[in-house]
Amino acid sequence: MRRLAIAVVATALLLTACSDVDTGPDKPTFGGTAGPGAPAADPDTTAARAAAQDAGIRPCSDLRLDDAPASGDAALPELELACLGADGTVDLSRLRGPAVVNLWASWCKPCREELPLLARLDERTGDRLTVVGIDVQDSDPEAAVRLASDAGVTYPQLVDPDSTTRGPLRVVGLPQTVFVDAQGRMVATERVPFTSYDDLTAAVRQHLEVQP
């Protein structure tokens, strides 16, 4: 009985870490709709474009994309996502790795702590590794850009205002990090936030065999 109780408590703590988000009245509820008074999600606002340019966030054209979608059971899904604060869209299934795909939002508290680690990873790995963010169900893309900028993020960002990635990527909370190989296959998914750079780089080595 004692072992069962410990297992239940551990599971509860894990789920809390995976979905530690602010769901106040002015914030969106994950997997639902924006709360009362929150603006409608619009990834293509003039303010977001200007903020992204000022922050030095790189365009989606910097991503490694293939002409054809990935194939197989573990392939990235065929989802067309807009670029955060920039022109164009990206078919997620055409993304090729090795890549780290991080799903986050400006209203997700653990995401704010994790973003600087990903920015550091992007800076240190250069062309050897692609890092891309997906801003999920964020009612204020300009706030998302500001948060990314404050964290030192310059890697490309996609936006998923309607949480279309939730089912195909089996998202249960934010942040979530998906590791993608050179064939566009999802080789691993981490559903708890990275709290140290060492933990993040260890996962990159384990799942993608890339030395940060």
N, C-alpha and C. Protein backbone atom coordinates (compact mmCIF):
# COMPACT_ATOMS: atom_id res chain seq x y z
N MET A 1 0.82 -1.20 0.00
CA MET A 1 0.00 0.00 0.00
C MET A 1 0.86 1.26 0.00
N ARG A 2 1.95 1.19 0.81
CA ARG A 2 2.82 2.36 0.88
C ARG A 2 3.45 2.65 -0.48
N ARG A 3 3.87 1.58 -1.20
CA ARG A 3 4.46 1.76 -2.53
C ARG A 3 3.45 2.36 -3.49
N LEU A 4 2.20 1.91 -3.39
CA LEU A 4 1.15 2.44 -4.26
C LEU A 4 0.93 3.91 -4.00
N ALA A 5 0.91 4.30 -2.72
CA ALA A 5 0.70 5.70 -2.37
C ALA A 5 1.82 6.57 -2.91
N ILE A 6 3.05 6.08 -2.78
CA ILE A 6 4.20 6.83 -3.30
C ILE A 6 4.10 6.99 -4.80
N ALA A 7 3.69 5.94 -5.50
CA ALA A 7 3.56 6.00 -6.95
C ALA A 7 2.51 7.01 -7.36
N VAL A 8 1.38 7.05 -6.61
CA VAL A 8 0.31 8.01 -6.93
C VAL A 8 0.80 9.44 -6.75
N VAL A 9 1.50 9.70 -5.64
CA VAL A 9 2.04 11.04 -5.39
C VAL A 9 3.03 11.44 -6.46
N ALA A 10 3.92 10.52 -6.85
CA ALA A 10 4.92 10.82 -7.88
C ALA A 10 4.26 11.15 -9.20
N THR A 11 3.22 10.40 -9.53
CA THR A 11 2.51 10.66 -10.79
C THR A 11 1.86 12.03 -10.76
N ALA A 12 1.27 12.40 -9.63
CA ALA A 12 0.62 13.71 -9.51
C ALA A 12 1.62 14.83 -9.67
N LEU A 13 2.80 14.68 -9.06
CA LEU A 13 3.84 15.70 -9.20
C LEU A 13 4.31 15.83 -10.63
N LEU A 14 4.44 14.71 -11.32
CA LEU A 14 4.88 14.74 -12.71
C LEU A 14 3.88 15.47 -13.58
N LEU A 15 2.58 15.18 -13.38
CA LEU A 15 1.55 15.84 -14.18
C LEU A 15 1.51 17.32 -13.89
N THR A 16 1.75 17.71 -12.62
CA THR A 16 1.78 19.12 -12.28
C THR A 16 2.90 19.82 -13.01
N ALA A 17 4.09 19.20 -13.06
CA ALA A 17 5.23 19.80 -13.74
C ALA A 17 4.98 19.93 -15.22
N CYS A 18 4.27 18.96 -15.81
CA CYS A 18 4.02 18.96 -17.24
C CYS A 18 3.02 20.02 -17.66
N SER A 19 2.16 20.44 -16.74
CA SER A 19 1.09 21.35 -17.14
C SER A 19 0.98 22.54 -16.21
N ASP A 20 2.12 23.04 -15.74
CA ASP A 20 2.15 24.18 -14.83
C ASP A 20 1.95 25.45 -15.63
N VAL A 21 0.71 25.82 -15.84
CA VAL A 21 0.40 26.99 -16.63
C VAL A 21 -0.52 27.90 -15.85
N ASP A 22 -0.48 29.20 -16.19
CA ASP A 22 -1.36 30.18 -15.58
C ASP A 22 -2.67 30.18 -16.34
N THR A 23 -3.77 29.83 -15.67
CA THR A 23 -5.07 29.79 -16.34
C THR A 23 -6.02 30.80 -15.72
N GLY A 24 -5.47 31.99 -15.44
CA GLY A 24 -6.28 33.06 -14.90
C GLY A 24 -7.28 33.57 -15.91
N PRO A 25 -8.11 34.54 -15.54
CA PRO A 25 -9.20 34.99 -16.41
C PRO A 25 -8.74 35.60 -17.70
N ASP A 26 -7.51 36.12 -17.74
CA ASP A 26 -7.04 36.76 -18.96
C ASP A 26 -6.05 35.90 -19.73
N LYS A 27 -5.99 34.63 -19.39
CA LYS A 27 -5.06 33.72 -20.05
C LYS A 27 -5.83 32.59 -20.71
N PRO A 28 -5.29 32.04 -21.80
CA PRO A 28 -5.98 30.91 -22.43
C PRO A 28 -5.83 29.66 -21.60
N THR A 29 -6.81 28.81 -21.64
CA THR A 29 -6.74 27.51 -21.00
C THR A 29 -6.22 26.50 -22.00
N PHE A 30 -5.21 25.71 -21.63
CA PHE A 30 -4.60 24.81 -22.60
C PHE A 30 -5.64 23.86 -23.17
N GLY A 31 -5.67 23.78 -24.51
CA GLY A 31 -6.60 22.90 -25.18
C GLY A 31 -8.00 23.45 -25.26
N GLY A 32 -8.22 24.71 -24.79
CA GLY A 32 -9.55 25.30 -24.82
C GLY A 32 -9.54 26.61 -25.58
N THR A 33 -10.30 27.55 -25.10
CA THR A 33 -10.38 28.85 -25.76
C THR A 33 -9.84 29.92 -24.85
N ALA A 34 -9.59 31.10 -25.42
CA ALA A 34 -9.05 32.20 -24.64
C ALA A 34 -10.04 32.60 -23.56
N GLY A 35 -9.50 33.00 -22.41
CA GLY A 35 -10.35 33.40 -21.30
C GLY A 35 -11.04 34.72 -21.59
N PRO A 36 -12.00 35.14 -20.76
CA PRO A 36 -12.74 36.38 -20.96
C PRO A 36 -11.80 37.57 -21.03
N GLY A 37 -12.00 38.41 -22.00
CA GLY A 37 -11.21 39.61 -22.14
C GLY A 37 -9.92 39.43 -22.88
N ALA A 38 -9.52 38.21 -23.19
CA ALA A 38 -8.28 37.97 -23.93
C ALA A 38 -8.50 38.23 -25.41
N PRO A 39 -7.54 38.87 -26.10
CA PRO A 39 -7.70 39.12 -27.53
C PRO A 39 -7.65 37.85 -28.33
N ALA A 40 -8.28 37.85 -29.49
CA ALA A 40 -8.25 36.69 -30.37
C ALA A 40 -6.83 36.45 -30.86
N ALA A 41 -6.44 35.21 -30.99
CA ALA A 41 -5.09 34.87 -31.45
C ALA A 41 -4.91 35.31 -32.89
N ASP A 42 -3.85 36.04 -33.16
CA ASP A 42 -3.56 36.51 -34.51
C ASP A 42 -2.06 36.55 -34.68
N PRO A 43 -1.46 35.53 -35.30
CA PRO A 43 -0.01 35.44 -35.42
C PRO A 43 0.59 36.41 -36.42
N ASP A 44 -0.27 37.17 -37.12
CA ASP A 44 0.22 37.98 -38.23
C ASP A 44 0.04 39.47 -37.96
N THR A 45 0.05 39.89 -36.68
CA THR A 45 -0.13 41.29 -36.37
C THR A 45 1.11 42.10 -36.73
N THR A 46 0.87 43.37 -37.05
CA THR A 46 1.98 44.27 -37.39
C THR A 46 2.94 44.41 -36.21
N ALA A 47 2.38 44.49 -35.00
CA ALA A 47 3.21 44.65 -33.81
C ALA A 47 4.13 43.44 -33.62
N ALA A 48 3.59 42.24 -33.84
CA ALA A 48 4.40 41.03 -33.68
C ALA A 48 5.51 40.98 -34.72
N ARG A 49 5.21 41.41 -35.94
CA ARG A 49 6.22 41.43 -36.99
C ARG A 49 7.37 42.36 -36.60
N ALA A 50 7.01 43.56 -36.16
CA ALA A 50 8.03 44.54 -35.79
C ALA A 50 8.85 44.05 -34.60
N ALA A 51 8.17 43.47 -33.62
CA ALA A 51 8.87 42.97 -32.44
C ALA A 51 9.84 41.84 -32.79
N ALA A 52 9.42 40.95 -33.69
CA ALA A 52 10.27 39.84 -34.11
C ALA A 52 11.52 40.34 -34.83
N GLN A 53 11.34 41.33 -35.67
CA GLN A 53 12.49 41.90 -36.39
C GLN A 53 13.45 42.57 -35.41
N ASP A 54 12.89 43.34 -34.47
CA ASP A 54 13.73 44.02 -33.48
C ASP A 54 14.48 43.03 -32.60
N ALA A 55 13.84 41.89 -32.33
CA ALA A 55 14.45 40.88 -31.46
C ALA A 55 15.49 40.04 -32.18
N GLY A 56 15.53 40.13 -33.50
CA GLY A 56 16.50 39.35 -34.26
C GLY A 56 16.11 37.89 -34.41
N ILE A 57 14.81 37.58 -34.24
CA ILE A 57 14.36 36.20 -34.43
C ILE A 57 14.47 35.84 -35.90
N ARG A 58 15.12 34.73 -36.18
CA ARG A 58 15.41 34.37 -37.56
C ARG A 58 14.15 33.91 -38.29
N PRO A 59 14.10 34.13 -39.60
CA PRO A 59 12.92 33.73 -40.38
C PRO A 59 12.83 32.22 -40.52
N CYS A 60 11.64 31.74 -40.86
CA CYS A 60 11.43 30.30 -41.03
C CYS A 60 12.19 29.75 -42.23
N SER A 61 12.62 30.62 -43.12
CA SER A 61 13.41 30.17 -44.27
C SER A 61 14.75 29.60 -43.84
N ASP A 62 15.15 29.85 -42.59
CA ASP A 62 16.40 29.29 -42.07
C ASP A 62 16.26 27.81 -41.69
N LEU A 63 15.03 27.31 -41.63
CA LEU A 63 14.82 25.92 -41.25
C LEU A 63 15.23 24.97 -42.36
N ARG A 64 15.64 23.76 -41.98
CA ARG A 64 16.01 22.73 -42.94
C ARG A 64 14.73 21.99 -43.35
N LEU A 65 14.25 22.28 -44.57
CA LEU A 65 12.98 21.71 -45.04
C LEU A 65 13.20 20.86 -46.28
N ASP A 66 12.45 19.77 -46.38
CA ASP A 66 12.52 18.88 -47.53
C ASP A 66 11.37 19.18 -48.48
N ASP A 67 11.52 18.75 -49.73
CA ASP A 67 10.46 18.97 -50.72
C ASP A 67 9.25 18.08 -50.48
N ALA A 68 9.45 16.96 -49.81
CA ALA A 68 8.36 16.00 -49.58
C ALA A 68 8.15 15.81 -48.09
N PRO A 69 6.93 15.47 -47.68
CA PRO A 69 6.67 15.22 -46.26
C PRO A 69 7.37 13.95 -45.78
N ALA A 70 7.67 13.92 -44.50
CA ALA A 70 8.26 12.71 -43.91
C ALA A 70 7.24 11.58 -43.94
N SER A 71 7.74 10.35 -43.94
CA SER A 71 6.85 9.19 -44.01
C SER A 71 7.13 8.25 -42.84
N GLY A 72 6.15 7.39 -42.55
CA GLY A 72 6.31 6.43 -41.47
C GLY A 72 5.47 6.79 -40.25
N ASP A 73 5.34 5.83 -39.34
CA ASP A 73 4.49 6.03 -38.16
C ASP A 73 4.97 7.16 -37.26
N ALA A 74 6.28 7.37 -37.20
CA ALA A 74 6.83 8.38 -36.31
C ALA A 74 7.11 9.70 -37.02
N ALA A 75 6.62 9.85 -38.24
CA ALA A 75 6.89 11.06 -39.02
C ALA A 75 6.17 12.26 -38.42
N LEU A 76 6.78 13.42 -38.57
CA LEU A 76 6.11 14.65 -38.16
C LEU A 76 4.80 14.80 -38.93
N PRO A 77 3.76 15.32 -38.31
CA PRO A 77 2.45 15.42 -38.97
C PRO A 77 2.42 16.51 -40.03
N GLU A 78 1.53 16.35 -40.99
CA GLU A 78 1.34 17.37 -42.02
C GLU A 78 0.45 18.47 -41.47
N LEU A 79 1.08 19.45 -40.86
CA LEU A 79 0.38 20.60 -40.29
C LEU A 79 1.01 21.87 -40.83
N GLU A 80 0.20 22.77 -41.34
CA GLU A 80 0.69 24.03 -41.87
C GLU A 80 0.64 25.07 -40.75
N LEU A 81 1.80 25.53 -40.33
CA LEU A 81 1.88 26.50 -39.23
C LEU A 81 2.49 27.80 -39.72
N ALA A 82 1.93 28.90 -39.26
CA ALA A 82 2.44 30.22 -39.64
C ALA A 82 3.72 30.52 -38.87
N CYS A 83 4.53 31.40 -39.43
CA CYS A 83 5.73 31.87 -38.75
C CYS A 83 5.34 33.00 -37.80
N LEU A 84 5.87 32.97 -36.59
CA LEU A 84 5.53 33.97 -35.59
C LEU A 84 6.14 35.32 -35.97
N GLY A 85 5.27 36.29 -36.23
CA GLY A 85 5.72 37.63 -36.53
C GLY A 85 6.45 37.76 -37.85
N ALA A 86 6.21 36.85 -38.79
CA ALA A 86 6.91 36.90 -40.07
C ALA A 86 6.01 36.35 -41.17
N ASP A 87 6.43 36.56 -42.41
CA ASP A 87 5.67 36.05 -43.55
C ASP A 87 5.81 34.53 -43.66
N GLY A 88 4.83 33.91 -44.31
CA GLY A 88 4.94 32.52 -44.71
C GLY A 88 4.44 31.52 -43.70
N THR A 89 4.32 30.28 -44.19
CA THR A 89 3.93 29.15 -43.35
C THR A 89 4.92 28.00 -43.58
N VAL A 90 4.89 27.05 -42.68
CA VAL A 90 5.77 25.88 -42.78
C VAL A 90 4.93 24.62 -42.59
N ASP A 91 5.12 23.66 -43.49
CA ASP A 91 4.52 22.34 -43.32
C ASP A 91 5.43 21.56 -42.39
N LEU A 92 4.95 21.29 -41.19
CA LEU A 92 5.79 20.66 -40.18
C LEU A 92 6.37 19.33 -40.64
N SER A 93 5.65 18.63 -41.50
CA SER A 93 6.11 17.31 -41.96
C SER A 93 7.33 17.40 -42.87
N ARG A 94 7.67 18.59 -43.32
CA ARG A 94 8.83 18.76 -44.20
C ARG A 94 10.10 19.17 -43.43
N LEU A 95 9.95 19.37 -42.13
CA LEU A 95 11.11 19.72 -41.31
C LEU A 95 12.05 18.52 -41.18
N ARG A 96 13.33 18.78 -41.33
CA ARG A 96 14.33 17.73 -41.20
C ARG A 96 15.33 18.09 -40.10
N GLY A 97 15.79 17.07 -39.42
CA GLY A 97 16.72 17.27 -38.33
C GLY A 97 18.16 16.99 -38.71
N PRO A 98 19.00 16.81 -37.72
CA PRO A 98 18.60 16.71 -36.33
C PRO A 98 18.02 18.03 -35.82
N ALA A 99 16.89 17.93 -35.12
CA ALA A 99 16.18 19.13 -34.69
C ALA A 99 15.56 18.94 -33.31
N VAL A 100 15.49 20.05 -32.60
CA VAL A 100 14.80 20.12 -31.32
C VAL A 100 13.60 21.04 -31.51
N VAL A 101 12.41 20.50 -31.36
CA VAL A 101 11.18 21.27 -31.54
C VAL A 101 10.55 21.49 -30.16
N ASN A 102 10.49 22.74 -29.75
CA ASN A 102 10.01 23.06 -28.41
C ASN A 102 8.65 23.76 -28.48
N LEU A 103 7.64 23.16 -27.84
CA LEU A 103 6.32 23.75 -27.77
C LEU A 103 6.20 24.54 -26.47
N TRP A 104 5.75 25.78 -26.58
CA TRP A 104 5.75 26.68 -25.44
C TRP A 104 4.66 27.73 -25.60
N ALA A 105 4.52 28.60 -24.61
CA ALA A 105 3.59 29.73 -24.69
C ALA A 105 4.03 30.79 -23.68
N SER A 106 3.65 32.02 -23.93
CA SER A 106 4.06 33.11 -23.04
C SER A 106 3.38 32.99 -21.68
N TRP A 107 2.26 32.27 -21.60
CA TRP A 107 1.53 32.12 -20.34
C TRP A 107 1.97 30.89 -19.54
N CYS A 108 2.96 30.18 -20.03
CA CYS A 108 3.45 28.95 -19.38
C CYS A 108 4.68 29.29 -18.53
N LYS A 109 4.56 29.18 -17.22
CA LYS A 109 5.65 29.58 -16.33
C LYS A 109 6.93 28.76 -16.53
N PRO A 110 6.86 27.42 -16.60
CA PRO A 110 8.10 26.66 -16.81
C PRO A 110 8.77 26.98 -18.15
N CYS A 111 7.98 27.39 -19.14
CA CYS A 111 8.54 27.73 -20.45
C CYS A 111 9.50 28.91 -20.34
N ARG A 112 9.14 29.85 -19.50
CA ARG A 112 9.96 31.06 -19.35
C ARG A 112 11.35 30.73 -18.83
N GLU A 113 11.42 29.70 -17.98
CA GLU A 113 12.71 29.29 -17.42
C GLU A 113 13.50 28.42 -18.39
N GLU A 114 12.79 27.74 -19.28
CA GLU A 114 13.44 26.81 -20.21
C GLU A 114 13.99 27.51 -21.45
N LEU A 115 13.35 28.60 -21.88
CA LEU A 115 13.74 29.26 -23.13
C LEU A 115 15.21 29.67 -23.18
N PRO A 116 15.78 30.25 -22.11
CA PRO A 116 17.21 30.61 -22.18
C PRO A 116 18.12 29.41 -22.43
N LEU A 117 17.74 28.24 -21.93
CA LEU A 117 18.55 27.04 -22.15
C LEU A 117 18.54 26.65 -23.63
N LEU A 118 17.37 26.77 -24.26
CA LEU A 118 17.25 26.45 -25.68
C LEU A 118 17.99 27.48 -26.53
N ALA A 119 17.95 28.74 -26.11
CA ALA A 119 18.69 29.78 -26.82
C ALA A 119 20.19 29.50 -26.78
N ARG A 120 20.66 29.06 -25.63
CA ARG A 120 22.08 28.71 -25.48
C ARG A 120 22.43 27.52 -26.36
N LEU A 121 21.54 26.52 -26.40
CA LEU A 121 21.77 25.34 -27.24
C LEU A 121 21.86 25.74 -28.71
N ASP A 122 20.96 26.58 -29.15
CA ASP A 122 20.96 27.04 -30.54
C ASP A 122 22.25 27.77 -30.88
N GLU A 123 22.69 28.62 -29.98
CA GLU A 123 23.90 29.40 -30.22
C GLU A 123 25.14 28.51 -30.30
N ARG A 124 25.21 27.49 -29.46
CA ARG A 124 26.42 26.67 -29.38
C ARG A 124 26.49 25.58 -30.45
N THR A 125 25.34 25.15 -30.97
CA THR A 125 25.37 24.06 -31.95
C THR A 125 25.40 24.54 -33.39
N GLY A 126 24.96 25.76 -33.64
CA GLY A 126 25.02 26.31 -35.00
C GLY A 126 24.30 25.45 -36.02
N ASP A 127 24.98 25.18 -37.14
CA ASP A 127 24.38 24.42 -38.23
C ASP A 127 24.27 22.92 -37.94
N ARG A 128 24.87 22.46 -36.85
CA ARG A 128 24.82 21.02 -36.54
C ARG A 128 23.47 20.58 -35.99
N LEU A 129 22.67 21.54 -35.54
CA LEU A 129 21.38 21.22 -34.92
C LEU A 129 20.39 22.35 -35.20
N THR A 130 19.17 21.97 -35.55
CA THR A 130 18.11 22.96 -35.75
C THR A 130 17.27 23.04 -34.48
N VAL A 131 17.07 24.26 -34.01
CA VAL A 131 16.17 24.50 -32.89
C VAL A 131 15.02 25.35 -33.40
N VAL A 132 13.80 24.93 -33.12
CA VAL A 132 12.62 25.68 -33.57
C VAL A 132 11.58 25.66 -32.46
N GLY A 133 10.92 26.78 -32.28
CA GLY A 133 9.86 26.87 -31.28
C GLY A 133 8.49 26.86 -31.94
N ILE A 134 7.50 26.36 -31.21
CA ILE A 134 6.11 26.45 -31.63
C ILE A 134 5.34 27.11 -30.49
N ASP A 135 4.88 28.32 -30.73
CA ASP A 135 4.11 29.07 -29.73
C ASP A 135 2.66 28.60 -29.80
N VAL A 136 2.19 27.94 -28.74
CA VAL A 136 0.90 27.25 -28.77
C VAL A 136 -0.20 28.04 -28.07
N GLN A 137 -1.31 28.22 -28.76
CA GLN A 137 -2.52 28.80 -28.19
C GLN A 137 -2.24 30.08 -27.41
N ASP A 138 -1.51 30.98 -28.02
CA ASP A 138 -1.11 32.23 -27.38
C ASP A 138 -1.97 33.36 -27.93
N SER A 139 -2.73 34.03 -27.07
CA SER A 139 -3.61 35.09 -27.54
C SER A 139 -2.87 36.38 -27.85
N ASP A 140 -1.61 36.49 -27.42
CA ASP A 140 -0.84 37.72 -27.62
C ASP A 140 0.53 37.39 -28.22
N PRO A 141 0.63 37.31 -29.55
CA PRO A 141 1.91 36.96 -30.17
C PRO A 141 3.01 37.98 -29.89
N GLU A 142 2.62 39.24 -29.70
CA GLU A 142 3.63 40.25 -29.40
C GLU A 142 4.28 39.97 -28.04
N ALA A 143 3.48 39.55 -27.07
CA ALA A 143 4.02 39.18 -25.75
C ALA A 143 4.94 37.98 -25.87
N ALA A 144 4.59 37.04 -26.75
CA ALA A 144 5.43 35.87 -26.96
C ALA A 144 6.78 36.27 -27.54
N VAL A 145 6.77 37.20 -28.48
CA VAL A 145 8.02 37.67 -29.08
C VAL A 145 8.87 38.38 -28.03
N ARG A 146 8.23 39.20 -27.19
CA ARG A 146 8.97 39.90 -26.14
C ARG A 146 9.62 38.92 -25.18
N LEU A 147 8.87 37.89 -24.80
CA LEU A 147 9.42 36.88 -23.89
C LEU A 147 10.60 36.17 -24.52
N ALA A 148 10.45 35.79 -25.79
CA ALA A 148 11.55 35.12 -26.50
C ALA A 148 12.77 36.02 -26.56
N SER A 149 12.54 37.30 -26.83
CA SER A 149 13.64 38.25 -26.91
C SER A 149 14.35 38.39 -25.57
N ASP A 150 13.57 38.51 -24.49
CA ASP A 150 14.16 38.63 -23.15
C ASP A 150 14.99 37.40 -22.78
N ALA A 151 14.61 36.25 -23.34
CA ALA A 151 15.33 35.00 -23.06
C ALA A 151 16.54 34.81 -23.96
N GLY A 152 16.75 35.74 -24.90
CA GLY A 152 17.88 35.62 -25.82
C GLY A 152 17.61 34.71 -27.00
N VAL A 153 16.35 34.38 -27.25
CA VAL A 153 15.98 33.47 -28.33
C VAL A 153 16.05 34.18 -29.68
N THR A 154 16.75 33.57 -30.63
CA THR A 154 16.76 34.08 -32.01
C THR A 154 16.41 32.99 -33.01
N TYR A 155 16.22 31.75 -32.56
CA TYR A 155 15.88 30.67 -33.49
C TYR A 155 14.45 30.83 -34.00
N PRO A 156 14.14 30.27 -35.17
CA PRO A 156 12.82 30.47 -35.80
C PRO A 156 11.67 30.00 -34.91
N GLN A 157 10.54 30.68 -35.07
CA GLN A 157 9.36 30.37 -34.27
C GLN A 157 8.14 30.17 -35.17
N LEU A 158 7.42 29.09 -34.93
CA LEU A 158 6.13 28.85 -35.57
C LEU A 158 5.03 29.15 -34.56
N VAL A 159 3.81 29.30 -35.04
CA VAL A 159 2.71 29.63 -34.14
C VAL A 159 1.53 28.71 -34.40
N ASP A 160 0.94 28.23 -33.31
CA ASP A 160 -0.19 27.30 -33.38
C ASP A 160 -1.33 27.83 -32.50
N PRO A 161 -2.04 28.86 -32.97
CA PRO A 161 -3.06 29.50 -32.12
C PRO A 161 -4.22 28.60 -31.76
N ASP A 162 -4.51 27.60 -32.58
CA ASP A 162 -5.66 26.72 -32.34
C ASP A 162 -5.27 25.38 -31.73
N SER A 163 -4.01 25.24 -31.35
CA SER A 163 -3.52 24.00 -30.73
C SER A 163 -3.74 22.77 -31.61
N THR A 164 -3.47 22.94 -32.90
CA THR A 164 -3.64 21.81 -33.84
C THR A 164 -2.58 20.74 -33.63
N THR A 165 -1.49 21.10 -32.96
CA THR A 165 -0.41 20.13 -32.71
C THR A 165 -0.75 19.19 -31.55
N ARG A 166 -1.76 19.53 -30.79
CA ARG A 166 -2.02 18.79 -29.55
C ARG A 166 -2.22 17.29 -29.78
N GLY A 167 -3.09 16.93 -30.72
CA GLY A 167 -3.35 15.52 -30.99
C GLY A 167 -2.19 14.80 -31.65
N PRO A 168 -1.72 15.31 -32.80
CA PRO A 168 -0.64 14.62 -33.52
C PRO A 168 0.66 14.49 -32.72
N LEU A 169 0.97 15.49 -31.89
CA LEU A 169 2.21 15.44 -31.11
C LEU A 169 1.96 14.95 -29.68
N ARG A 170 0.71 14.57 -29.39
CA ARG A 170 0.35 14.04 -28.07
C ARG A 170 0.77 14.98 -26.95
N VAL A 171 0.38 16.22 -27.09
CA VAL A 171 0.74 17.24 -26.11
C VAL A 171 -0.21 17.15 -24.92
N VAL A 172 0.36 16.99 -23.73
CA VAL A 172 -0.45 16.93 -22.52
C VAL A 172 -0.23 18.16 -21.64
N GLY A 173 0.73 18.97 -21.98
CA GLY A 173 1.03 20.18 -21.23
C GLY A 173 2.23 20.86 -21.84
N LEU A 174 2.52 22.05 -21.36
CA LEU A 174 3.66 22.81 -21.86
C LEU A 174 4.62 23.08 -20.71
N PRO A 175 5.94 23.15 -21.02
CA PRO A 175 6.54 22.92 -22.34
C PRO A 175 6.63 21.44 -22.68
N GLN A 176 6.82 21.20 -23.96
CA GLN A 176 7.08 19.84 -24.46
C GLN A 176 8.14 19.96 -25.54
N THR A 177 9.09 19.03 -25.54
CA THR A 177 10.18 19.07 -26.51
C THR A 177 10.22 17.77 -27.30
N VAL A 178 10.22 17.92 -28.62
CA VAL A 178 10.24 16.77 -29.53
C VAL A 178 11.58 16.74 -30.25
N PHE A 179 12.21 15.57 -30.29
CA PHE A 179 13.50 15.39 -30.96
C PHE A 179 13.26 14.71 -32.30
N VAL A 180 13.77 15.34 -33.36
CA VAL A 180 13.49 14.90 -34.74
C VAL A 180 14.79 14.54 -35.44
N ASP A 181 14.81 13.39 -36.12
CA ASP A 181 16.02 12.97 -36.82
C ASP A 181 16.08 13.53 -38.24
N ALA A 182 17.12 13.14 -38.98
CA ALA A 182 17.35 13.69 -40.31
C ALA A 182 16.29 13.30 -41.32
N GLN A 183 15.50 12.29 -41.02
CA GLN A 183 14.42 11.85 -41.92
C GLN A 183 13.06 12.45 -41.54
N GLY A 184 13.06 13.35 -40.56
CA GLY A 184 11.81 13.97 -40.15
C GLY A 184 10.98 13.10 -39.23
N ARG A 185 11.61 12.14 -38.56
CA ARG A 185 10.90 11.25 -37.65
C ARG A 185 11.08 11.70 -36.20
N MET A 186 10.02 11.59 -35.43
CA MET A 186 10.07 11.93 -34.01
C MET A 186 10.68 10.75 -33.25
N VAL A 187 11.90 10.92 -32.79
CA VAL A 187 12.59 9.81 -32.13
C VAL A 187 12.40 9.82 -30.61
N ALA A 188 11.99 10.95 -30.06
CA ALA A 188 11.77 11.02 -28.62
C ALA A 188 10.98 12.28 -28.29
N THR A 189 10.28 12.24 -27.17
CA THR A 189 9.53 13.39 -26.68
C THR A 189 9.74 13.53 -25.18
N GLU A 190 10.11 14.73 -24.76
CA GLU A 190 10.27 15.01 -23.33
C GLU A 190 9.10 15.89 -22.90
N ARG A 191 8.33 15.44 -21.91
CA ARG A 191 7.13 16.15 -21.48
C ARG A 191 7.29 16.85 -20.13
N VAL A 192 8.50 16.97 -19.67
CA VAL A 192 8.78 17.76 -18.47
C VAL A 192 9.79 18.83 -18.86
N PRO A 193 9.75 20.00 -18.22
CA PRO A 193 10.67 21.08 -18.60
C PRO A 193 12.11 20.76 -18.24
N PHE A 194 13.02 21.21 -19.07
CA PHE A 194 14.44 21.12 -18.75
C PHE A 194 14.77 22.25 -17.79
N THR A 195 15.44 21.91 -16.70
CA THR A 195 15.76 22.92 -15.69
C THR A 195 17.25 23.25 -15.65
N SER A 196 18.05 22.54 -16.44
CA SER A 196 19.48 22.84 -16.50
C SER A 196 19.98 22.58 -17.91
N TYR A 197 21.04 23.30 -18.27
CA TYR A 197 21.62 23.12 -19.60
C TYR A 197 22.23 21.73 -19.74
N ASP A 198 22.78 21.21 -18.67
CA ASP A 198 23.37 19.86 -18.71
C ASP A 198 22.31 18.81 -19.04
N ASP A 199 21.14 18.95 -18.44
CA ASP A 199 20.06 17.99 -18.74
C ASP A 199 19.62 18.08 -20.20
N LEU A 200 19.54 19.30 -20.71
CA LEU A 200 19.13 19.50 -22.09
C LEU A 200 20.15 18.90 -23.06
N THR A 201 21.42 19.18 -22.83
CA THR A 201 22.44 18.66 -23.74
C THR A 201 22.57 17.14 -23.64
N ALA A 202 22.33 16.60 -22.45
CA ALA A 202 22.35 15.14 -22.30
C ALA A 202 21.24 14.50 -23.14
N ALA A 203 20.08 15.14 -23.17
CA ALA A 203 18.97 14.63 -23.98
C ALA A 203 19.29 14.72 -25.47
N VAL A 204 19.94 15.80 -25.87
CA VAL A 204 20.32 15.96 -27.28
C VAL A 204 21.31 14.87 -27.69
N ARG A 205 22.27 14.60 -26.83
CA ARG A 205 23.24 13.54 -27.14
C ARG A 205 22.56 12.18 -27.20
N GLN A 206 21.66 11.93 -26.26
CA GLN A 206 21.00 10.63 -26.19
C GLN A 206 20.07 10.39 -27.38
N HIS A 207 19.26 11.37 -27.72
CA HIS A 207 18.22 11.17 -28.73
C HIS A 207 18.68 11.46 -30.16
N LEU A 208 19.64 12.39 -30.31
CA LEU A 208 20.04 12.81 -31.65
C LEU A 208 21.51 12.54 -31.96
N GLU A 209 22.27 12.12 -30.95
CA GLU A 209 23.70 11.84 -31.13
C GLU A 209 24.44 13.06 -31.67
N VAL A 210 24.06 14.22 -31.15
CA VAL A 210 24.74 15.47 -31.49
C VAL A 210 25.45 15.96 -30.24
N GLN A 211 26.70 16.37 -30.40
CA GLN A 211 27.47 16.90 -29.29
C GLN A 211 27.31 18.42 -29.24
N PRO A 212 26.58 18.94 -28.27
CA PRO A 212 26.39 20.41 -28.18
C PRO A 212 27.70 21.13 -27.89
